Amino acid sequence: MIQYGSVDVKEMQLIRLRASIDLRDEQWIDVEIRFGVGNADTIPDDVTGLTALLICTYSGGVAQIVPQDGGIDCEYQFTPGEKEQLLAFYELQVKPQLLEKAGSGARS
């Protein structure tokens, strides 16, 4: 994680990833990814409920990856390595489900 305005970088090892998919509107699909951290000492002390929000298109593209704390945006960003972990999980485990859900037009 990188705090905005800081040069201090701590790389988290994300484990036990799980996702929920929400068709927000006719343009965007929200994917919330919850996870554990293998090296817990890398989580900032002031973060208590860290998740990742992937804002996706109906074709499965990822437009944005946003860290959230307790369901709201926080003052941190993911490192390139953390984004790679999230994207790898998304591509293998979530994207097929997202495309199926998007194609059916189901709302959760």
PDB file of N, CA and C in Angstrom:
ATOM      1  N   MET A   1       0.856  -1.166   0.000  1.00  0.00           N
ATOM      2  CA  MET A   1       0.000   0.000   0.000  1.00  0.00           C
ATOM      3  C   MET A   1       0.901   1.226   0.000  1.00  0.00           C
ATOM      4  N   ILE A   2       0.374   2.242  -0.617  1.00  0.00           N
ATOM      5  CA  ILE A   2       1.078   3.515  -0.670  1.00  0.00           C
ATOM      6  C   ILE A   2       0.102   4.589  -0.206  1.00  0.00           C
ATOM      7  N   GLN A   3       0.489   5.350   0.802  1.00  0.00           N
ATOM      8  CA  GLN A   3      -0.349   6.466   1.234  1.00  0.00           C
ATOM      9  C   GLN A   3      -0.093   7.625   0.270  1.00  0.00           C
ATOM     10  N   TYR A   4      -1.155   8.283  -0.153  1.00  0.00           N
ATOM     11  CA  TYR A   4      -1.001   9.420  -1.059  1.00  0.00           C
ATOM     12  C   TYR A   4      -0.033  10.428  -0.453  1.00  0.00           C
ATOM     13  N   GLY A   5       0.936  10.865  -1.244  1.00  0.00           N
ATOM     14  CA  GLY A   5       1.911  11.843  -0.804  1.00  0.00           C
ATOM     15  C   GLY A   5       3.106  11.254  -0.075  1.00  0.00           C
ATOM     16  N   SER A   6       3.140   9.948   0.104  1.00  0.00           N
ATOM     17  CA  SER A   6       4.227   9.292   0.827  1.00  0.00           C
ATOM     18  C   SER A   6       5.123   8.523  -0.141  1.00  0.00           C
ATOM     19  N   VAL A   7       6.362   8.327   0.252  1.00  0.00           N
ATOM     20  CA  VAL A   7       7.274   7.497  -0.533  1.00  0.00           C
ATOM     21  C   VAL A   7       7.462   6.127   0.120  1.00  0.00           C
ATOM     22  N   ASP A   8       6.828   5.919   1.266  1.00  0.00           N
ATOM     23  CA  ASP A   8       6.898   4.644   1.982  1.00  0.00           C
ATOM     24  C   ASP A   8       5.960   3.638   1.322  1.00  0.00           C
ATOM     25  N   VAL A   9       6.524   2.547   0.819  1.00  0.00           N
ATOM     26  CA  VAL A   9       5.745   1.526   0.121  1.00  0.00           C
ATOM     27  C   VAL A   9       5.840   0.214   0.883  1.00  0.00           C
ATOM     28  N   LYS A  10       4.690  -0.400   1.138  1.00  0.00           N
ATOM     29  CA  LYS A  10       4.634  -1.719   1.766  1.00  0.00           C
ATOM     30  C   LYS A  10       3.803  -2.618   0.864  1.00  0.00           C
ATOM     31  N   GLU A  11       4.376  -3.717   0.426  1.00  0.00           N
ATOM     32  CA  GLU A  11       3.725  -4.636  -0.514  1.00  0.00           C
ATOM     33  C   GLU A  11       2.991  -5.738   0.256  1.00  0.00           C
ATOM     34  N   MET A  12       1.674  -5.819   0.079  1.00  0.00           N
ATOM     35  CA  MET A  12       0.884  -6.853   0.741  1.00  0.00           C
ATOM     36  C   MET A  12       0.847  -8.118  -0.106  1.00  0.00           C
ATOM     37  N   GLN A  13       0.842  -9.255   0.568  1.00  0.00           N
ATOM     38  CA  GLN A  13       0.614 -10.543  -0.080  1.00  0.00           C
ATOM     39  C   GLN A  13      -0.843 -10.900   0.181  1.00  0.00           C
ATOM     40  N   LEU A  14      -1.664 -10.821  -0.858  1.00  0.00           N
ATOM     41  CA  LEU A  14      -3.098 -11.040  -0.700  1.00  0.00           C
ATOM     42  C   LEU A  14      -3.413 -12.527  -0.720  1.00  0.00           C
ATOM     43  N   ILE A  15      -4.226 -12.961   0.242  1.00  0.00           N
ATOM     44  CA  ILE A  15      -4.601 -14.378   0.353  1.00  0.00           C
ATOM     45  C   ILE A  15      -6.107 -14.480   0.566  1.00  0.00           C
ATOM     46  N   ARG A  16      -6.646 -15.670   0.337  1.00  0.00           N
ATOM     47  CA  ARG A  16      -8.069 -15.961   0.563  1.00  0.00           C
ATOM     48  C   ARG A  16      -8.976 -14.905  -0.084  1.00  0.00           C
ATOM     49  N   LEU A  17      -8.741 -14.615  -1.339  1.00  0.00           N
ATOM     50  CA  LEU A  17      -9.541 -13.615  -2.046  1.00  0.00           C
ATOM     51  C   LEU A  17     -10.925 -14.164  -2.356  1.00  0.00           C
ATOM     52  N   ARG A  18     -11.938 -13.330  -2.235  1.00  0.00           N
ATOM     53  CA  ARG A  18     -13.313 -13.672  -2.590  1.00  0.00           C
ATOM     54  C   ARG A  18     -13.989 -12.406  -3.104  1.00  0.00           C
ATOM     55  N   ALA A  19     -14.900 -12.586  -4.028  1.00  0.00           N
ATOM     56  CA  ALA A  19     -15.487 -11.436  -4.705  1.00  0.00           C
ATOM     57  C   ALA A  19     -17.005 -11.461  -4.691  1.00  0.00           C
ATOM     58  N   SER A  20     -17.588 -10.275  -4.763  1.00  0.00           N
ATOM     59  CA  SER A  20     -19.021 -10.126  -4.993  1.00  0.00           C
ATOM     60  C   SER A  20     -19.188  -9.165  -6.168  1.00  0.00           C
ATOM     61  N   ILE A  21     -20.203  -9.444  -6.973  1.00  0.00           N
ATOM     62  CA  ILE A  21     -20.441  -8.689  -8.206  1.00  0.00           C
ATOM     63  C   ILE A  21     -21.772  -7.966  -8.091  1.00  0.00           C
ATOM     64  N   ASP A  22     -21.764  -6.663  -8.414  1.00  0.00           N
ATOM     65  CA  ASP A  22     -22.983  -5.859  -8.354  1.00  0.00           C
ATOM     66  C   ASP A  22     -23.106  -5.053  -9.644  1.00  0.00           C
ATOM     67  N   LEU A  23     -24.184  -5.304 -10.403  1.00  0.00           N
ATOM     68  CA  LEU A  23     -24.443  -4.535 -11.616  1.00  0.00           C
ATOM     69  C   LEU A  23     -24.975  -3.167 -11.188  1.00  0.00           C
ATOM     70  N   ARG A  24     -24.099  -2.180 -11.174  1.00  0.00           N
ATOM     71  CA  ARG A  24     -24.441  -0.854 -10.648  1.00  0.00           C
ATOM     72  C   ARG A  24     -25.465  -0.129 -11.522  1.00  0.00           C
ATOM     73  N   ASP A  25     -25.187  -0.053 -12.823  1.00  0.00           N
ATOM     74  CA  ASP A  25     -26.078   0.636 -13.745  1.00  0.00           C
ATOM     75  C   ASP A  25     -25.877   0.039 -15.133  1.00  0.00           C
ATOM     76  N   GLU A  26     -26.305   0.741 -16.169  1.00  0.00           N
ATOM     77  CA  GLU A  26     -26.200   0.210 -17.530  1.00  0.00           C
ATOM     78  C   GLU A  26     -24.789   0.275 -18.086  1.00  0.00           C
ATOM     79  N   GLN A  27     -23.858   0.944 -17.370  1.00  0.00           N
ATOM     80  CA  GLN A  27     -22.495   1.105 -17.866  1.00  0.00           C
ATOM     81  C   GLN A  27     -21.456   0.374 -17.025  1.00  0.00           C
ATOM     82  N   TRP A  28     -21.631   0.358 -15.710  1.00  0.00           N
ATOM     83  CA  TRP A  28     -20.592  -0.139 -14.811  1.00  0.00           C
ATOM     84  C   TRP A  28     -21.056  -1.318 -13.965  1.00  0.00           C
ATOM     85  N   ILE A  29     -20.094  -2.173 -13.680  1.00  0.00           N
ATOM     86  CA  ILE A  29     -20.291  -3.297 -12.759  1.00  0.00           C
ATOM     87  C   ILE A  29     -19.246  -3.154 -11.666  1.00  0.00           C
ATOM     88  N   ASP A  30     -19.677  -3.199 -10.427  1.00  0.00           N
ATOM     89  CA  ASP A  30     -18.763  -3.121  -9.285  1.00  0.00           C
ATOM     90  C   ASP A  30     -18.416  -4.527  -8.822  1.00  0.00           C
ATOM     91  N   VAL A  31     -17.132  -4.757  -8.631  1.00  0.00           N
ATOM     92  CA  VAL A  31     -16.661  -6.018  -8.062  1.00  0.00           C
ATOM     93  C   VAL A  31     -15.921  -5.671  -6.779  1.00  0.00           C
ATOM     94  N   GLU A  32     -16.455  -6.137  -5.659  1.00  0.00           N
ATOM     95  CA  GLU A  32     -15.770  -5.937  -4.388  1.00  0.00           C
ATOM     96  C   GLU A  32     -14.969  -7.197  -4.082  1.00  0.00           C
ATOM     97  N   ILE A  33     -13.701  -7.008  -3.811  1.00  0.00           N
ATOM     98  CA  ILE A  33     -12.837  -8.134  -3.470  1.00  0.00           C
ATOM     99  C   ILE A  33     -12.403  -7.983  -2.018  1.00  0.00           C
ATOM    100  N   ARG A  34     -12.741  -9.001  -1.254  1.00  0.00           N
ATOM    101  CA  ARG A  34     -12.295  -9.077   0.148  1.00  0.00           C
ATOM    102  C   ARG A  34     -11.126 -10.048   0.184  1.00  0.00           C
ATOM    103  N   PHE A  35     -10.221  -9.833   1.105  1.00  0.00           N
ATOM    104  CA  PHE A  35      -9.020 -10.666   1.147  1.00  0.00           C
ATOM    105  C   PHE A  35      -8.374 -10.614   2.522  1.00  0.00           C
ATOM    106  N   GLY A  36      -7.535 -11.613   2.757  1.00  0.00           N
ATOM    107  CA  GLY A  36      -6.657 -11.599   3.906  1.00  0.00           C
ATOM    108  C   GLY A  36      -5.290 -11.131   3.434  1.00  0.00           C
ATOM    109  N   VAL A  37      -4.420 -10.873   4.387  1.00  0.00           N
ATOM    110  CA  VAL A  37      -3.061 -10.436   4.053  1.00  0.00           C
ATOM    111  C   VAL A  37      -2.079 -11.377   4.730  1.00  0.00           C
ATOM    112  N   GLY A  38      -1.220 -12.003   3.916  1.00  0.00           N
ATOM    113  CA  GLY A  38      -0.249 -12.964   4.440  1.00  0.00           C
ATOM    114  C   GLY A  38       0.810 -12.324   5.319  1.00  0.00           C
ATOM    115  N   ASN A  39       1.121 -11.094   5.054  1.00  0.00           N
ATOM    116  CA  ASN A  39       2.103 -10.361   5.851  1.00  0.00           C
ATOM    117  C   ASN A  39       1.390  -9.161   6.494  1.00  0.00           C
ATOM    118  N   ALA A  40       0.667  -9.425   7.569  1.00  0.00           N
ATOM    119  CA  ALA A  40      -0.239  -8.445   8.180  1.00  0.00           C
ATOM    120  C   ALA A  40       0.459  -7.159   8.613  1.00  0.00           C
ATOM    121  N   ASP A  41       1.756  -7.199   8.822  1.00  0.00           N
ATOM    122  CA  ASP A  41       2.466  -5.995   9.247  1.00  0.00           C
ATOM    123  C   ASP A  41       2.540  -4.937   8.144  1.00  0.00           C
ATOM    124  N   THR A  42       2.110  -5.272   6.931  1.00  0.00           N
ATOM    125  CA  THR A  42       2.128  -4.306   5.833  1.00  0.00           C
ATOM    126  C   THR A  42       0.833  -3.496   5.739  1.00  0.00           C
ATOM    127  N   ILE A  43      -0.188  -3.861   6.503  1.00  0.00           N
ATOM    128  CA  ILE A  43      -1.446  -3.110   6.499  1.00  0.00           C
ATOM    129  C   ILE A  43      -1.246  -1.845   7.332  1.00  0.00           C
ATOM    130  N   PRO A  44      -1.589  -0.681   6.794  1.00  0.00           N
ATOM    131  CA  PRO A  44      -1.463   0.556   7.578  1.00  0.00           C
ATOM    132  C   PRO A  44      -2.270   0.473   8.872  1.00  0.00           C
ATOM    133  N   ASP A  45      -1.731   1.047   9.935  1.00  0.00           N
ATOM    134  CA  ASP A  45      -2.372   0.990  11.248  1.00  0.00           C
ATOM    135  C   ASP A  45      -3.753   1.635  11.275  1.00  0.00           C
ATOM    136  N   ASP A  46      -3.967   2.653  10.433  1.00  0.00           N
ATOM    137  CA  ASP A  46      -5.245   3.368  10.470  1.00  0.00           C
ATOM    138  C   ASP A  46      -6.301   2.781   9.540  1.00  0.00           C
ATOM    139  N   VAL A  47      -6.023   1.617   8.946  1.00  0.00           N
ATOM    140  CA  VAL A  47      -6.982   0.946   8.065  1.00  0.00           C
ATOM    141  C   VAL A  47      -7.561  -0.253   8.810  1.00  0.00           C
ATOM    142  N   THR A  48      -8.893  -0.331   8.863  1.00  0.00           N
ATOM    143  CA  THR A  48      -9.520  -1.394   9.649  1.00  0.00           C
ATOM    144  C   THR A  48     -10.338  -2.385   8.829  1.00  0.00           C
ATOM    145  N   GLY A  49     -10.823  -1.982   7.658  1.00  0.00           N
ATOM    146  CA  GLY A  49     -11.674  -2.868   6.855  1.00  0.00           C
ATOM    147  C   GLY A  49     -11.315  -2.787   5.387  1.00  0.00           C
ATOM    148  N   LEU A  50     -10.088  -3.151   5.058  1.00  0.00           N
ATOM    149  CA  LEU A  50      -9.577  -2.974   3.699  1.00  0.00           C
ATOM    150  C   LEU A  50     -10.186  -3.962   2.708  1.00  0.00           C
ATOM    151  N   THR A  51     -10.694  -3.425   1.593  1.00  0.00           N
ATOM    152  CA  THR A  51     -11.185  -4.214   0.469  1.00  0.00           C
ATOM    153  C   THR A  51     -10.739  -3.516  -0.811  1.00  0.00           C
ATOM    154  N   ALA A  52     -10.958  -4.175  -1.930  1.00  0.00           N
ATOM    155  CA  ALA A  52     -10.672  -3.575  -3.231  1.00  0.00           C
ATOM    156  C   ALA A  52     -11.972  -3.473  -4.014  1.00  0.00           C
ATOM    157  N   LEU A  53     -12.184  -2.328  -4.643  1.00  0.00           N
ATOM    158  CA  LEU A  53     -13.320  -2.139  -5.531  1.00  0.00           C
ATOM    159  C   LEU A  53     -12.785  -2.068  -6.949  1.00  0.00           C
ATOM    160  N   LEU A  54     -13.205  -3.012  -7.778  1.00  0.00           N
ATOM    161  CA  LEU A  54     -12.868  -2.982  -9.196  1.00  0.00           C
ATOM    162  C   LEU A  54     -14.091  -2.486  -9.942  1.00  0.00           C
ATOM    163  N   ILE A  55     -13.917  -1.405 -10.678  1.00  0.00           N
ATOM    164  CA  ILE A  55     -15.000  -0.857 -11.482  1.00  0.00           C
ATOM    165  C   ILE A  55     -14.797  -1.395 -12.890  1.00  0.00           C
ATOM    166  N   CYS A  56     -15.781  -2.178 -13.349  1.00  0.00           N
ATOM    167  CA  CYS A  56     -15.635  -2.931 -14.592  1.00  0.00           C
ATOM    168  C   CYS A  56     -16.702  -2.555 -15.603  1.00  0.00           C
ATOM    169  N   THR A  57     -16.420  -2.867 -16.863  1.00  0.00           N
ATOM    170  CA  THR A  57     -17.379  -2.675 -17.945  1.00  0.00           C
ATOM    171  C   THR A  57     -18.149  -3.977 -18.152  1.00  0.00           C
ATOM    172  N   TYR A  58     -19.210  -3.897 -18.910  1.00  0.00           N
ATOM    173  CA  TYR A  58     -20.011  -5.088 -19.212  1.00  0.00           C
ATOM    174  C   TYR A  58     -19.257  -6.077 -20.094  1.00  0.00           C
ATOM    175  N   SER A  59     -18.192  -5.621 -20.759  1.00  0.00           N
ATOM    176  CA  SER A  59     -17.381  -6.535 -21.564  1.00  0.00           C
ATOM    177  C   SER A  59     -16.268  -7.171 -20.734  1.00  0.00           C
ATOM    178  N   GLY A  60     -16.199  -6.834 -19.440  1.00  0.00           N
ATOM    179  CA  GLY A  60     -15.234  -7.461 -18.549  1.00  0.00           C
ATOM    180  C   GLY A  60     -13.960  -6.679 -18.318  1.00  0.00           C
ATOM    181  N   GLY A  61     -13.803  -5.529 -18.973  1.00  0.00           N
ATOM    182  CA  GLY A  61     -12.612  -4.710 -18.763  1.00  0.00           C
ATOM    183  C   GLY A  61     -12.633  -4.047 -17.396  1.00  0.00           C
ATOM    184  N   VAL A  62     -11.444  -3.858 -16.831  1.00  0.00           N
ATOM    185  CA  VAL A  62     -11.329  -3.188 -15.539  1.00  0.00           C
ATOM    186  C   VAL A  62     -10.940  -1.734 -15.786  1.00  0.00           C
ATOM    187  N   ALA A  63     -11.818  -0.816 -15.396  1.00  0.00           N
ATOM    188  CA  ALA A  63     -11.563   0.609 -15.593  1.00  0.00           C
ATOM    189  C   ALA A  63     -10.761   1.212 -14.450  1.00  0.00           C
ATOM    190  N   GLN A  64     -10.968   0.694 -13.235  1.00  0.00           N
ATOM    191  CA  GLN A  64     -10.317   1.286 -12.077  1.00  0.00           C
ATOM    192  C   GLN A  64     -10.243   0.273 -10.946  1.00  0.00           C
ATOM    193  N   ILE A  65      -9.179   0.368 -10.150  1.00  0.00           N
ATOM    194  CA  ILE A  65      -9.010  -0.442  -8.944  1.00  0.00           C
ATOM    195  C   ILE A  65      -8.829   0.524  -7.779  1.00  0.00           C
ATOM    196  N   VAL A  66      -9.772   0.485  -6.836  1.00  0.00           N
ATOM    197  CA  VAL A  66      -9.802   1.458  -5.754  1.00  0.00           C
ATOM    198  C   VAL A  66      -9.746   0.745  -4.411  1.00  0.00           C
ATOM    199  N   PRO A  67      -8.774   1.076  -3.563  1.00  0.00           N
ATOM    200  CA  PRO A  67      -8.803   0.531  -2.204  1.00  0.00           C
ATOM    201  C   PRO A  67      -9.880   1.239  -1.388  1.00  0.00           C
ATOM    202  N   GLN A  68     -10.572   0.467  -0.570  1.00  0.00           N
ATOM    203  CA  GLN A  68     -11.593   1.044   0.293  1.00  0.00           C
ATOM    204  C   GLN A  68     -11.386   0.548   1.713  1.00  0.00           C
ATOM    205  N   ASP A  69     -11.730   1.397   2.655  1.00  0.00           N
ATOM    206  CA  ASP A  69     -11.652   1.056   4.066  1.00  0.00           C
ATOM    207  C   ASP A  69     -13.056   1.193   4.635  1.00  0.00           C
ATOM    208  N   GLY A  70     -13.642   0.077   5.003  1.00  0.00           N
ATOM    209  CA  GLY A  70     -15.011   0.104   5.520  1.00  0.00           C
ATOM    210  C   GLY A  70     -16.027   0.514   4.470  1.00  0.00           C
ATOM    211  N   GLY A  71     -15.747   0.224   3.195  1.00  0.00           N
ATOM    212  CA  GLY A  71     -16.697   0.523   2.130  1.00  0.00           C
ATOM    213  C   GLY A  71     -16.607   1.922   1.549  1.00  0.00           C
ATOM    214  N   ILE A  72     -15.637   2.714   1.996  1.00  0.00           N
ATOM    215  CA  ILE A  72     -15.469   4.060   1.442  1.00  0.00           C
ATOM    216  C   ILE A  72     -14.024   4.244   0.985  1.00  0.00           C
ATOM    217  N   ASP A  73     -13.829   5.163   0.033  1.00  0.00           N
ATOM    218  CA  ASP A  73     -12.479   5.431  -0.462  1.00  0.00           C
ATOM    219  C   ASP A  73     -11.578   5.850   0.690  1.00  0.00           C
ATOM    220  N   CYS A  74     -10.306   5.501   0.575  1.00  0.00           N
ATOM    221  CA  CYS A  74      -9.359   5.844   1.625  1.00  0.00           C
ATOM    222  C   CYS A  74      -8.160   6.578   1.023  1.00  0.00           C
ATOM    223  N   GLU A  75      -7.231   6.980   1.863  1.00  0.00           N
ATOM    224  CA  GLU A  75      -6.103   7.788   1.422  1.00  0.00           C
ATOM    225  C   GLU A  75      -4.911   6.952   0.963  1.00  0.00           C
ATOM    226  N   TYR A  76      -5.175   5.736   0.578  1.00  0.00           N
ATOM    227  CA  TYR A  76      -4.121   4.846   0.120  1.00  0.00           C
ATOM    228  C   TYR A  76      -4.394   4.406  -1.312  1.00  0.00           C
ATOM    229  N   GLN A  77      -3.354   3.895  -1.935  1.00  0.00           N
ATOM    230  CA  GLN A  77      -3.503   3.271  -3.243  1.00  0.00           C
ATOM    231  C   GLN A  77      -2.756   1.943  -3.216  1.00  0.00           C
ATOM    232  N   PHE A  78      -3.153   1.047  -4.102  1.00  0.00           N
ATOM    233  CA  PHE A  78      -2.468  -0.231  -4.207  1.00  0.00           C
ATOM    234  C   PHE A  78      -1.172  -0.066  -4.988  1.00  0.00           C
ATOM    235  N   THR A  79      -0.186  -0.879  -4.642  1.00  0.00           N
ATOM    236  CA  THR A  79       1.068  -0.891  -5.388  1.00  0.00           C
ATOM    237  C   THR A  79       0.832  -1.631  -6.714  1.00  0.00           C
ATOM    238  N   PRO A  80       1.733  -1.472  -7.675  1.00  0.00           N
ATOM    239  CA  PRO A  80       1.592  -2.241  -8.923  1.00  0.00           C
ATOM    240  C   PRO A  80       1.529  -3.751  -8.670  1.00  0.00           C
ATOM    241  N   GLY A  81       2.296  -4.262  -7.723  1.00  0.00           N
ATOM    242  CA  GLY A  81       2.275  -5.691  -7.412  1.00  0.00           C
ATOM    243  C   GLY A  81       0.947  -6.136  -6.819  1.00  0.00           C
ATOM    244  N   GLU A  82       0.361  -5.312  -5.973  1.00  0.00           N
ATOM    245  CA  GLU A  82      -0.946  -5.636  -5.395  1.00  0.00           C
ATOM    246  C   GLU A  82      -2.019  -5.619  -6.476  1.00  0.00           C
ATOM    247  N   LYS A  83      -1.932  -4.656  -7.382  1.00  0.00           N
ATOM    248  CA  LYS A  83      -2.886  -4.603  -8.497  1.00  0.00           C
ATOM    249  C   LYS A  83      -2.754  -5.847  -9.365  1.00  0.00           C
ATOM    250  N   GLU A  84      -1.523  -6.310  -9.584  1.00  0.00           N
ATOM    251  CA  GLU A  84      -1.319  -7.538 -10.367  1.00  0.00           C
ATOM    252  C   GLU A  84      -1.994  -8.721  -9.704  1.00  0.00           C
ATOM    253  N   GLN A  85      -1.872  -8.831  -8.376  1.00  0.00           N
ATOM    254  CA  GLN A  85      -2.517  -9.923  -7.649  1.00  0.00           C
ATOM    255  C   GLN A  85      -4.035  -9.858  -7.802  1.00  0.00           C
ATOM    256  N   LEU A  86      -4.584  -8.671  -7.659  1.00  0.00           N
ATOM    257  CA  LEU A  86      -6.034  -8.487  -7.787  1.00  0.00           C
ATOM    258  C   LEU A  86      -6.507  -8.798  -9.199  1.00  0.00           C
ATOM    259  N   LEU A  87      -5.768  -8.313 -10.199  1.00  0.00           N
ATOM    260  CA  LEU A  87      -6.153  -8.564 -11.589  1.00  0.00           C
ATOM    261  C   LEU A  87      -6.050 -10.039 -11.956  1.00  0.00           C
ATOM    262  N   ALA A  88      -5.029 -10.733 -11.449  1.00  0.00           N
ATOM    263  CA  ALA A  88      -4.888 -12.167 -11.731  1.00  0.00           C
ATOM    264  C   ALA A  88      -6.083 -12.929 -11.161  1.00  0.00           C
ATOM    265  N   PHE A  89      -6.460 -12.615  -9.936  1.00  0.00           N
ATOM    266  CA  PHE A  89      -7.631 -13.246  -9.324  1.00  0.00           C
ATOM    267  C   PHE A  89      -8.885 -12.916 -10.130  1.00  0.00           C
ATOM    268  N   TYR A  90      -9.032 -11.671 -10.512  1.00  0.00           N
ATOM    269  CA  TYR A  90     -10.202 -11.243 -11.282  1.00  0.00           C
ATOM    270  C   TYR A  90     -10.289 -12.021 -12.594  1.00  0.00           C
ATOM    271  N   GLU A  91      -9.216 -12.066 -13.339  1.00  0.00           N
ATOM    272  CA  GLU A  91      -9.227 -12.711 -14.655  1.00  0.00           C
ATOM    273  C   GLU A  91      -9.577 -14.198 -14.550  1.00  0.00           C
ATOM    274  N   LEU A  92      -9.011 -14.891 -13.567  1.00  0.00           N
ATOM    275  CA  LEU A  92      -9.214 -16.338 -13.448  1.00  0.00           C
ATOM    276  C   LEU A  92     -10.522 -16.727 -12.770  1.00  0.00           C
ATOM    277  N   GLN A  93     -10.897 -15.991 -11.732  1.00  0.00           N
ATOM    278  CA  GLN A  93     -12.018 -16.436 -10.900  1.00  0.00           C
ATOM    279  C   GLN A  93     -13.294 -15.613 -11.060  1.00  0.00           C
ATOM    280  N   VAL A  94     -13.160 -14.318 -11.344  1.00  0.00           N
ATOM    281  CA  VAL A  94     -14.322 -13.437 -11.289  1.00  0.00           C
ATOM    282  C   VAL A  94     -14.868 -13.099 -12.670  1.00  0.00           C
ATOM    283  N   LYS A  95     -14.002 -12.806 -13.610  1.00  0.00           N
ATOM    284  CA  LYS A  95     -14.447 -12.342 -14.924  1.00  0.00           C
ATOM    285  C   LYS A  95     -15.445 -13.283 -15.595  1.00  0.00           C
ATOM    286  N   PRO A  96     -15.233 -14.608 -15.574  1.00  0.00           N
ATOM    287  CA  PRO A  96     -16.236 -15.489 -16.189  1.00  0.00           C
ATOM    288  C   PRO A  96     -17.622 -15.331 -15.546  1.00  0.00           C
ATOM    289  N   GLN A  97     -17.670 -15.190 -14.229  1.00  0.00           N
ATOM    290  CA  GLN A  97     -18.944 -14.994 -13.537  1.00  0.00           C
ATOM    291  C   GLN A  97     -19.547 -13.634 -13.888  1.00  0.00           C
ATOM    292  N   LEU A  98     -18.698 -12.612 -13.965  1.00  0.00           N
ATOM    293  CA  LEU A  98     -19.166 -11.278 -14.311  1.00  0.00           C
ATOM    294  C   LEU A  98     -19.790 -11.271 -15.697  1.00  0.00           C
ATOM    295  N   LEU A  99     -19.120 -11.893 -16.658  1.00  0.00           N
ATOM    296  CA  LEU A  99     -19.640 -11.918 -18.018  1.00  0.00           C
ATOM    297  C   LEU A  99     -20.959 -12.666 -18.107  1.00  0.00           C
ATOM    298  N   GLU A 100     -21.066 -13.745 -17.347  1.00  0.00           N
ATOM    299  CA  GLU A 100     -22.323 -14.497 -17.327  1.00  0.00           C
ATOM    300  C   GLU A 100     -23.437 -13.644 -16.711  1.00  0.00           C
ATOM    301  N   LYS A 101     -23.134 -13.001 -15.616  1.00  0.00           N
ATOM    302  CA  LYS A 101     -24.132 -12.160 -14.943  1.00  0.00           C
ATOM    303  C   LYS A 101     -24.502 -10.951 -15.809  1.00  0.00           C
ATOM    304  N   ALA A 102     -23.522 -10.346 -16.450  1.00  0.00           N
ATOM    305  CA  ALA A 102     -23.771  -9.187 -17.314  1.00  0.00           C
ATOM    306  C   ALA A 102     -24.626  -9.572 -18.507  1.00  0.00           C
ATOM    307  N   GLY A 103     -24.358 -10.759 -19.060  1.00  0.00           N
ATOM    308  CA  GLY A 103     -25.119 -11.231 -20.221  1.00  0.00           C
ATOM    309  C   GLY A 103     -26.557 -11.541 -19.883  1.00  0.00           C
ATOM    310  N   SER A 104     -26.795 -12.013 -18.680  1.00  0.00           N
ATOM    311  CA  SER A 104     -28.155 -12.354 -18.294  1.00  0.00           C
ATOM    312  C   SER A 104     -28.940 -11.141 -17.809  1.00  0.00           C
ATOM    313  N   GLY A 105     -28.193 -10.059 -17.500  1.00  0.00           N
ATOM    314  CA  GLY A 105     -28.858  -8.847 -17.016  1.00  0.00           C
ATOM    315  C   GLY A 105     -29.384  -8.978 -15.615  1.00  0.00           C
ATOM    316  N   ALA A 106     -28.948 -10.034 -14.895  1.00  0.00           N
ATOM    317  CA  ALA A 106     -29.427 -10.251 -13.535  1.00  0.00           C
ATOM    318  C   ALA A 106     -28.935  -9.137 -12.611  1.00  0.00           C
ATOM    319  N   ARG A 107     -29.740  -8.736 -11.697  1.00  0.00           N
ATOM    320  CA  ARG A 107     -29.366  -7.724 -10.701  1.00  0.00           C
ATOM    321  C   ARG A 107     -29.252  -8.395  -9.338  1.00  0.00           C
ATOM    322  N   SER A 108     -28.213  -8.017  -8.607  1.00  0.00           N
ATOM    323  CA  SER A 108     -28.064  -8.600  -7.271  1.00  0.00           C
ATOM    324  C   SER A 108     -28.427  -7.610  -6.208  1.00  0.00           C
TER     325      SER A 108
END
